[in-house]
């Protein structure tokens, strides 16, 4: 994940084109500092959805097994 965040931070305006492509590391740090909490929230939301789907799958599987064993 870190590599993805860094690549996005570097490719979206962190290079100073007037000085031959030098990287503005202060801007990179700011972008990464903002990206990590946002990515953490996205991952937490994704995990929550996956857990809900997993629980629903177990419930449906139990219903199918109960129905088939009758």
N, C-alpha and C. Protein backbone atom coordinates (compact mmCIF):
# COMPACT_ATOMS: atom_id res chain seq x y z
N UNK A 1 0.81 -1.20 0.00
CA UNK A 1 0.00 0.00 0.00
C UNK A 1 0.85 1.26 0.00
N UNK A 2 1.94 1.23 0.77
CA UNK A 2 2.78 2.42 0.88
C UNK A 2 3.32 2.82 -0.48
N UNK A 3 3.74 1.85 -1.26
CA UNK A 3 4.29 2.14 -2.59
C UNK A 3 3.24 2.81 -3.47
N UNK A 4 2.00 2.33 -3.40
CA UNK A 4 0.93 2.93 -4.19
C UNK A 4 0.72 4.38 -3.79
N UNK A 5 0.71 4.64 -2.48
CA UNK A 5 0.52 6.02 -2.00
C UNK A 5 1.67 6.90 -2.44
N UNK A 6 2.89 6.40 -2.33
CA UNK A 6 4.05 7.20 -2.71
C UNK A 6 4.05 7.49 -4.20
N UNK A 7 3.70 6.50 -5.01
CA UNK A 7 3.68 6.72 -6.46
C UNK A 7 2.66 7.78 -6.82
N UNK A 8 1.50 7.72 -6.20
CA UNK A 8 0.49 8.73 -6.45
C UNK A 8 0.93 10.10 -5.99
N UNK A 9 1.61 10.15 -4.87
CA UNK A 9 2.08 11.45 -4.35
C UNK A 9 3.16 12.02 -5.24
N UNK A 10 4.02 11.16 -5.76
CA UNK A 10 5.10 11.65 -6.61
C UNK A 10 4.61 12.06 -7.98
N UNK A 11 3.61 11.40 -8.48
CA UNK A 11 3.18 11.67 -9.85
C UNK A 11 2.17 12.80 -9.96
N UNK A 12 1.66 13.30 -8.85
CA UNK A 12 0.62 14.32 -8.96
C UNK A 12 1.10 15.69 -8.50
N UNK A 13 2.12 16.18 -9.13
CA UNK A 13 2.52 17.55 -8.91
C UNK A 13 3.64 17.76 -7.93
N UNK A 14 4.32 16.72 -7.50
CA UNK A 14 5.39 16.88 -6.52
C UNK A 14 6.73 17.16 -7.18
N UNK A 15 6.79 17.06 -8.47
CA UNK A 15 8.04 17.32 -9.18
C UNK A 15 8.08 18.78 -9.60
N UNK A 16 9.24 19.36 -9.44
CA UNK A 16 9.45 20.74 -9.84
C UNK A 16 10.04 20.73 -11.24
N UNK A 17 9.21 20.96 -12.24
CA UNK A 17 9.64 20.86 -13.63
C UNK A 17 10.65 21.93 -14.01
N UNK A 18 10.66 23.06 -13.32
CA UNK A 18 11.58 24.14 -13.67
C UNK A 18 13.01 23.82 -13.25
N UNK A 19 13.21 22.92 -12.29
CA UNK A 19 14.56 22.61 -11.83
C UNK A 19 15.01 21.23 -12.31
N UNK A 20 14.54 20.81 -13.45
CA UNK A 20 15.00 19.55 -14.02
C UNK A 20 14.40 18.32 -13.41
N UNK A 21 13.22 18.39 -12.86
CA UNK A 21 12.54 17.20 -12.34
C UNK A 21 12.87 16.89 -10.89
N UNK A 22 13.38 17.83 -10.13
CA UNK A 22 13.66 17.58 -8.71
C UNK A 22 12.35 17.31 -7.97
N UNK A 23 12.43 16.48 -6.96
CA UNK A 23 11.24 16.10 -6.20
C UNK A 23 11.11 17.01 -4.99
N UNK A 24 9.93 17.55 -4.78
CA UNK A 24 9.64 18.39 -3.63
C UNK A 24 9.20 17.46 -2.49
N UNK A 25 10.16 17.05 -1.66
CA UNK A 25 9.87 16.07 -0.62
C UNK A 25 8.95 16.61 0.46
N UNK A 26 8.96 17.90 0.69
CA UNK A 26 8.03 18.48 1.66
C UNK A 26 6.60 18.26 1.19
N UNK A 27 6.36 18.47 -0.10
CA UNK A 27 5.02 18.25 -0.64
C UNK A 27 4.66 16.77 -0.61
N UNK A 28 5.64 15.91 -0.88
CA UNK A 28 5.39 14.47 -0.83
C UNK A 28 4.98 14.07 0.58
N UNK A 29 5.69 14.57 1.59
CA UNK A 29 5.35 14.25 2.98
C UNK A 29 3.94 14.71 3.33
N UNK A 30 3.57 15.90 2.87
CA UNK A 30 2.21 16.40 3.14
C UNK A 30 1.18 15.51 2.47
N UNK A 31 1.41 15.16 1.21
CA UNK A 31 0.45 14.31 0.49
C UNK A 31 0.31 12.95 1.15
N UNK A 32 1.45 12.36 1.54
CA UNK A 32 1.42 11.04 2.17
C UNK A 32 0.74 11.13 3.54
N UNK A 33 1.01 12.20 4.28
CA UNK A 33 0.38 12.37 5.59
C UNK A 33 -1.14 12.43 5.47
N UNK A 34 -1.64 12.99 4.39
CA UNK A 34 -3.09 13.05 4.17
C UNK A 34 -3.61 11.73 3.60
N UNK A 35 -2.79 11.06 2.81
CA UNK A 35 -3.23 9.83 2.14
C UNK A 35 -3.40 8.66 3.11
N UNK A 36 -2.50 8.54 4.09
CA UNK A 36 -2.56 7.38 4.97
C UNK A 36 -3.86 7.28 5.75
N UNK A 37 -4.33 8.34 6.41
CA UNK A 37 -5.61 8.21 7.13
C UNK A 37 -6.78 7.92 6.19
N UNK A 38 -6.75 8.52 5.01
CA UNK A 38 -7.83 8.26 4.04
C UNK A 38 -7.80 6.80 3.60
N UNK A 39 -6.62 6.29 3.31
CA UNK A 39 -6.49 4.89 2.89
C UNK A 39 -6.90 3.96 4.04
N UNK A 40 -6.54 4.30 5.26
CA UNK A 40 -6.92 3.47 6.42
C UNK A 40 -8.44 3.40 6.54
N UNK A 41 -9.12 4.52 6.33
CA UNK A 41 -10.59 4.51 6.38
C UNK A 41 -11.17 3.66 5.26
N UNK A 42 -10.60 3.76 4.07
CA UNK A 42 -11.08 2.95 2.95
C UNK A 42 -10.91 1.46 3.24
N UNK A 43 -9.75 1.10 3.79
CA UNK A 43 -9.49 -0.30 4.11
C UNK A 43 -10.43 -0.79 5.21
N UNK A 44 -10.67 0.03 6.23
CA UNK A 44 -11.59 -0.35 7.30
C UNK A 44 -13.00 -0.56 6.76
N UNK A 45 -13.44 0.32 5.86
CA UNK A 45 -14.76 0.16 5.25
C UNK A 45 -14.84 -1.12 4.43
N UNK A 46 -13.78 -1.40 3.68
CA UNK A 46 -13.74 -2.62 2.86
C UNK A 46 -13.79 -3.86 3.73
N UNK A 47 -13.03 -3.87 4.82
CA UNK A 47 -13.04 -5.01 5.73
C UNK A 47 -14.43 -5.20 6.33
N UNK A 48 -15.08 -4.12 6.69
CA UNK A 48 -16.42 -4.21 7.25
C UNK A 48 -17.40 -4.85 6.26
N UNK A 49 -17.33 -4.42 5.03
CA UNK A 49 -18.21 -4.99 3.99
C UNK A 49 -17.91 -6.46 3.79
N UNK A 50 -16.63 -6.81 3.74
CA UNK A 50 -16.26 -8.22 3.56
C UNK A 50 -16.71 -9.08 4.73
N UNK A 51 -16.64 -8.55 5.95
CA UNK A 51 -17.12 -9.30 7.11
C UNK A 51 -18.63 -9.49 7.04
N UNK A 52 -19.35 -8.47 6.63
CA UNK A 52 -20.81 -8.60 6.47
C UNK A 52 -21.15 -9.65 5.42
N UNK A 53 -20.43 -9.64 4.30
CA UNK A 53 -20.66 -10.64 3.25
C UNK A 53 -20.33 -12.04 3.75
N UNK A 54 -19.28 -12.16 4.51
CA UNK A 54 -18.89 -13.46 5.06
C UNK A 54 -19.97 -14.00 5.99
N UNK A 55 -20.48 -13.13 6.88
CA UNK A 55 -21.55 -13.55 7.80
C UNK A 55 -22.80 -13.94 7.02
N UNK A 56 -23.15 -13.17 6.02
CA UNK A 56 -24.33 -13.49 5.22
C UNK A 56 -24.15 -14.81 4.47
N UNK A 57 -22.93 -15.07 4.01
CA UNK A 57 -22.65 -16.33 3.31
C UNK A 57 -22.79 -17.51 4.25
N UNK A 58 -22.27 -17.38 5.46
CA UNK A 58 -22.40 -18.46 6.45
C UNK A 58 -23.86 -18.70 6.78
N UNK A 59 -24.63 -17.63 6.99
CA UNK A 59 -26.06 -17.77 7.29
C UNK A 59 -26.79 -18.47 6.15
N UNK A 60 -26.52 -18.06 4.92
CA UNK A 60 -27.20 -18.66 3.77
C UNK A 60 -26.78 -20.12 3.60
N UNK A 61 -25.52 -20.42 3.83
CA UNK A 61 -25.04 -21.80 3.73
C UNK A 61 -25.73 -22.67 4.79
N UNK A 62 -25.85 -22.15 5.99
CA UNK A 62 -26.55 -22.89 7.05
C UNK A 62 -27.99 -23.16 6.69
N UNK A 63 -28.67 -22.18 6.09
CA UNK A 63 -30.07 -22.36 5.66
C UNK A 63 -30.17 -23.43 4.58
N UNK A 64 -29.22 -23.39 3.63
CA UNK A 64 -29.26 -24.37 2.54
C UNK A 64 -29.01 -25.76 3.08
N UNK A 65 -28.05 -25.91 3.97
CA UNK A 65 -27.75 -27.22 4.56
C UNK A 65 -28.95 -27.72 5.36
N UNK A 66 -29.59 -26.85 6.11
CA UNK A 66 -30.77 -27.24 6.90
C UNK A 66 -31.90 -27.66 5.98
N UNK A 67 -32.10 -26.91 4.90
CA UNK A 67 -33.18 -27.24 3.95
C UNK A 67 -32.91 -28.57 3.24
N UNK A 68 -31.67 -28.79 2.85
CA UNK A 68 -31.32 -30.02 2.12
C UNK A 68 -31.33 -31.26 3.01
N UNK A 69 -31.15 -31.10 4.29
CA UNK A 69 -31.11 -32.27 5.19
C UNK A 69 -32.50 -32.70 5.65
N UNK A 70 -33.53 -31.96 5.23
CA UNK A 70 -34.89 -32.33 5.64
C UNK A 70 -35.42 -33.48 4.84
